């Protein structure tokens, strides 16, 4: 089997084979992280990784309250503690930046 045939075969099977789809996704994520590490080193920067289970979308970037459940189809939510309105992706980006800065400055673990 030629490499191109093999790749197209994997692409056809991946949607039906959950384990294969996860393996391909993990491999792609690993490559992205490798490239980010390379670029950070190239430019004299530090790449900070946070825990994959850090609740970046569910944590209020204003007061720190963590929502118990937040399904992926909910794109906006209001914090029940402080009442601020959040866009899920923007809120996650703010929380990830804050966690990365905390790790850089004081060595906190997230």
C-alpha atoms as a PDB file:
ATOM      1  CA  UNK A   1       0.000   0.000   0.000  1.00  0.00           C
ATOM      2  CA  UNK A   2       1.414   3.388  -0.990  1.00  0.00           C
ATOM      3  CA  UNK A   3       1.683   6.063   1.740  1.00  0.00           C
ATOM      4  CA  UNK A   4      -1.026   8.166   0.108  1.00  0.00           C
ATOM      5  CA  UNK A   5      -3.410   5.201  -0.023  1.00  0.00           C
ATOM      6  CA  UNK A   6      -2.660   4.429   3.615  1.00  0.00           C
ATOM      7  CA  UNK A   7      -3.359   8.031   4.690  1.00  0.00           C
ATOM      8  CA  UNK A   8      -6.647   8.157   2.811  1.00  0.00           C
ATOM      9  CA  UNK A   9      -7.587   4.782   4.300  1.00  0.00           C
ATOM     10  CA  UNK A  10      -6.955   6.166   7.799  1.00  0.00           C
ATOM     11  CA  UNK A  11      -8.973   9.282   6.996  1.00  0.00           C
ATOM     12  CA  UNK A  12     -11.915   7.151   5.897  1.00  0.00           C
ATOM     13  CA  UNK A  13     -11.740   4.896   8.957  1.00  0.00           C
ATOM     14  CA  UNK A  14     -11.137   7.579  11.602  1.00  0.00           C
ATOM     15  CA  UNK A  15     -14.739   8.836  11.930  1.00  0.00           C
ATOM     16  CA  UNK A  16     -15.971   5.286  12.560  1.00  0.00           C
ATOM     17  CA  UNK A  17     -13.043   4.111  14.723  1.00  0.00           C
ATOM     18  CA  UNK A  18     -13.056   6.202  17.912  1.00  0.00           C
ATOM     19  CA  UNK A  19      -9.705   4.872  19.181  1.00  0.00           C
ATOM     20  CA  UNK A  20      -8.056   5.645  15.845  1.00  0.00           C
ATOM     21  CA  UNK A  21      -9.515   9.160  15.824  1.00  0.00           C
ATOM     22  CA  UNK A  22      -8.167   9.779  19.331  1.00  0.00           C
ATOM     23  CA  UNK A  23      -4.728   8.451  18.368  1.00  0.00           C
ATOM     24  CA  UNK A  24      -4.585  10.729  15.320  1.00  0.00           C
ATOM     25  CA  UNK A  25      -5.751  13.696  17.389  1.00  0.00           C
ATOM     26  CA  UNK A  26      -3.128  12.985  20.077  1.00  0.00           C
ATOM     27  CA  UNK A  27      -0.406  12.702  17.433  1.00  0.00           C
ATOM     28  CA  UNK A  28      -1.412  16.033  15.887  1.00  0.00           C
ATOM     29  CA  UNK A  29      -1.526  17.707  19.292  1.00  0.00           C
ATOM     30  CA  UNK A  30       1.922  16.327  20.090  1.00  0.00           C
ATOM     31  CA  UNK A  31       3.286  17.789  16.867  1.00  0.00           C
ATOM     32  CA  UNK A  32       1.745  21.185  17.639  1.00  0.00           C
ATOM     33  CA  UNK A  33       3.330  21.184  21.113  1.00  0.00           C
ATOM     34  CA  UNK A  34       6.688  20.152  19.627  1.00  0.00           C
ATOM     35  CA  UNK A  35       6.565  23.029  17.157  1.00  0.00           C
ATOM     36  CA  UNK A  36       5.544  25.521  19.871  1.00  0.00           C
ATOM     37  CA  UNK A  37       8.465  24.364  22.042  1.00  0.00           C
ATOM     38  CA  UNK A  38      10.848  24.754  19.108  1.00  0.00           C
ATOM     39  CA  UNK A  39       9.579  28.248  18.265  1.00  0.00           C
ATOM     40  CA  UNK A  40       9.687  29.344  21.910  1.00  0.00           C
ATOM     41  CA  UNK A  41      13.303  28.184  22.200  1.00  0.00           C
ATOM     42  CA  UNK A  42      14.158  29.823  18.864  1.00  0.00           C
ATOM     43  CA  UNK A  43      12.871  33.202  20.059  1.00  0.00           C
ATOM     44  CA  UNK A  44      14.245  32.855  23.595  1.00  0.00           C
ATOM     45  CA  UNK A  45      10.798  32.479  25.163  1.00  0.00           C
ATOM     46  CA  UNK A  46       9.410  30.035  27.681  1.00  0.00           C
ATOM     47  CA  UNK A  47       6.462  27.810  26.791  1.00  0.00           C
ATOM     48  CA  UNK A  48       4.292  27.247  29.849  1.00  0.00           C
ATOM     49  CA  UNK A  49       1.995  24.222  29.852  1.00  0.00           C
ATOM     50  CA  UNK A  50      -1.019  24.044  32.134  1.00  0.00           C
ATOM     51  CA  UNK A  51      -2.893  20.939  33.221  1.00  0.00           C
ATOM     52  CA  UNK A  52      -5.148  19.566  30.513  1.00  0.00           C
ATOM     53  CA  UNK A  53      -8.029  19.382  33.009  1.00  0.00           C
ATOM     54  CA  UNK A  54      -7.688  22.987  34.222  1.00  0.00           C
ATOM     55  CA  UNK A  55     -11.272  24.363  34.142  1.00  0.00           C
ATOM     56  CA  UNK A  56     -10.437  27.325  31.902  1.00  0.00           C
ATOM     57  CA  UNK A  57     -13.922  27.595  30.381  1.00  0.00           C
ATOM     58  CA  UNK A  58     -15.816  26.922  33.600  1.00  0.00           C
ATOM     59  CA  UNK A  59     -13.865  29.306  35.875  1.00  0.00           C
ATOM     60  CA  UNK A  60     -15.090  32.895  36.080  1.00  0.00           C
ATOM     61  CA  UNK A  61     -12.164  35.114  35.085  1.00  0.00           C
ATOM     62  CA  UNK A  62     -13.593  37.897  37.272  1.00  0.00           C
ATOM     63  CA  UNK A  63     -14.159  36.204  40.655  1.00  0.00           C
ATOM     64  CA  UNK A  64     -12.767  32.655  40.268  1.00  0.00           C
ATOM     65  CA  UNK A  65     -16.080  30.824  40.738  1.00  0.00           C
ATOM     66  CA  UNK A  66     -16.099  27.429  38.982  1.00  0.00           C
ATOM     67  CA  UNK A  67     -19.358  26.314  37.342  1.00  0.00           C
ATOM     68  CA  UNK A  68     -20.116  22.680  38.113  1.00  0.00           C
ATOM     69  CA  UNK A  69     -21.387  21.707  34.649  1.00  0.00           C
ATOM     70  CA  UNK A  70     -20.965  23.609  31.402  1.00  0.00           C
ATOM     71  CA  UNK A  71     -21.828  21.547  28.295  1.00  0.00           C
ATOM     72  CA  UNK A  72     -19.863  22.284  25.127  1.00  0.00           C
ATOM     73  CA  UNK A  73     -22.951  23.615  23.342  1.00  0.00           C
ATOM     74  CA  UNK A  74     -23.213  26.485  25.871  1.00  0.00           C
ATOM     75  CA  UNK A  75     -21.103  29.252  24.306  1.00  0.00           C
ATOM     76  CA  UNK A  76     -22.015  32.057  26.726  1.00  0.00           C
ATOM     77  CA  UNK A  77     -22.835  32.007  30.416  1.00  0.00           C
ATOM     78  CA  UNK A  78     -23.400  34.311  33.400  1.00  0.00           C
ATOM     79  CA  UNK A  79     -21.461  33.793  36.611  1.00  0.00           C
ATOM     80  CA  UNK A  80     -23.909  33.027  39.429  1.00  0.00           C
ATOM     81  CA  UNK A  81     -21.486  34.518  41.965  1.00  0.00           C
ATOM     82  CA  UNK A  82     -20.619  37.942  40.489  1.00  0.00           C
ATOM     83  CA  UNK A  83     -23.111  38.169  37.600  1.00  0.00           C
ATOM     84  CA  UNK A  84     -20.589  38.929  34.849  1.00  0.00           C
ATOM     85  CA  UNK A  85     -21.441  37.650  31.348  1.00  0.00           C
ATOM     86  CA  UNK A  86     -18.833  35.402  29.686  1.00  0.00           C
ATOM     87  CA  UNK A  87     -18.116  34.269  26.164  1.00  0.00           C
ATOM     88  CA  UNK A  88     -16.773  30.754  26.728  1.00  0.00           C
ATOM     89  CA  UNK A  89     -13.714  31.063  24.473  1.00  0.00           C
ATOM     90  CA  UNK A  90     -12.681  34.539  25.590  1.00  0.00           C
ATOM     91  CA  UNK A  91     -13.113  33.567  29.237  1.00  0.00           C
ATOM     92  CA  UNK A  92     -10.973  30.461  28.690  1.00  0.00           C
ATOM     93  CA  UNK A  93      -8.253  32.523  26.989  1.00  0.00           C
ATOM     94  CA  UNK A  94      -8.162  34.981  29.911  1.00  0.00           C
ATOM     95  CA  UNK A  95      -7.936  32.113  32.423  1.00  0.00           C
ATOM     96  CA  UNK A  96      -5.203  30.305  30.462  1.00  0.00           C
ATOM     97  CA  UNK A  97      -3.154  33.514  30.241  1.00  0.00           C
ATOM     98  CA  UNK A  98      -3.574  34.105  33.995  1.00  0.00           C
ATOM     99  CA  UNK A  99      -2.556  30.519  34.796  1.00  0.00           C
ATOM    100  CA  UNK A 100       0.496  30.757  32.526  1.00  0.00           C
ATOM    101  CA  UNK A 101       1.574  34.041  34.104  1.00  0.00           C
ATOM    102  CA  UNK A 102       1.118  32.566  37.598  1.00  0.00           C
ATOM    103  CA  UNK A 103       3.367  29.642  36.665  1.00  0.00           C
ATOM    104  CA  UNK A 104       5.971  31.977  35.167  1.00  0.00           C
ATOM    105  CA  UNK A 105       6.031  34.426  38.066  1.00  0.00           C
ATOM    106  CA  UNK A 106       5.679  32.285  41.157  1.00  0.00           C
ATOM    107  CA  UNK A 107       5.868  28.668  39.999  1.00  0.00           C
ATOM    108  CA  UNK A 108       2.211  27.938  40.785  1.00  0.00           C
ATOM    109  CA  UNK A 109       0.841  24.643  39.483  1.00  0.00           C
ATOM    110  CA  UNK A 110      -2.317  24.530  37.364  1.00  0.00           C
END
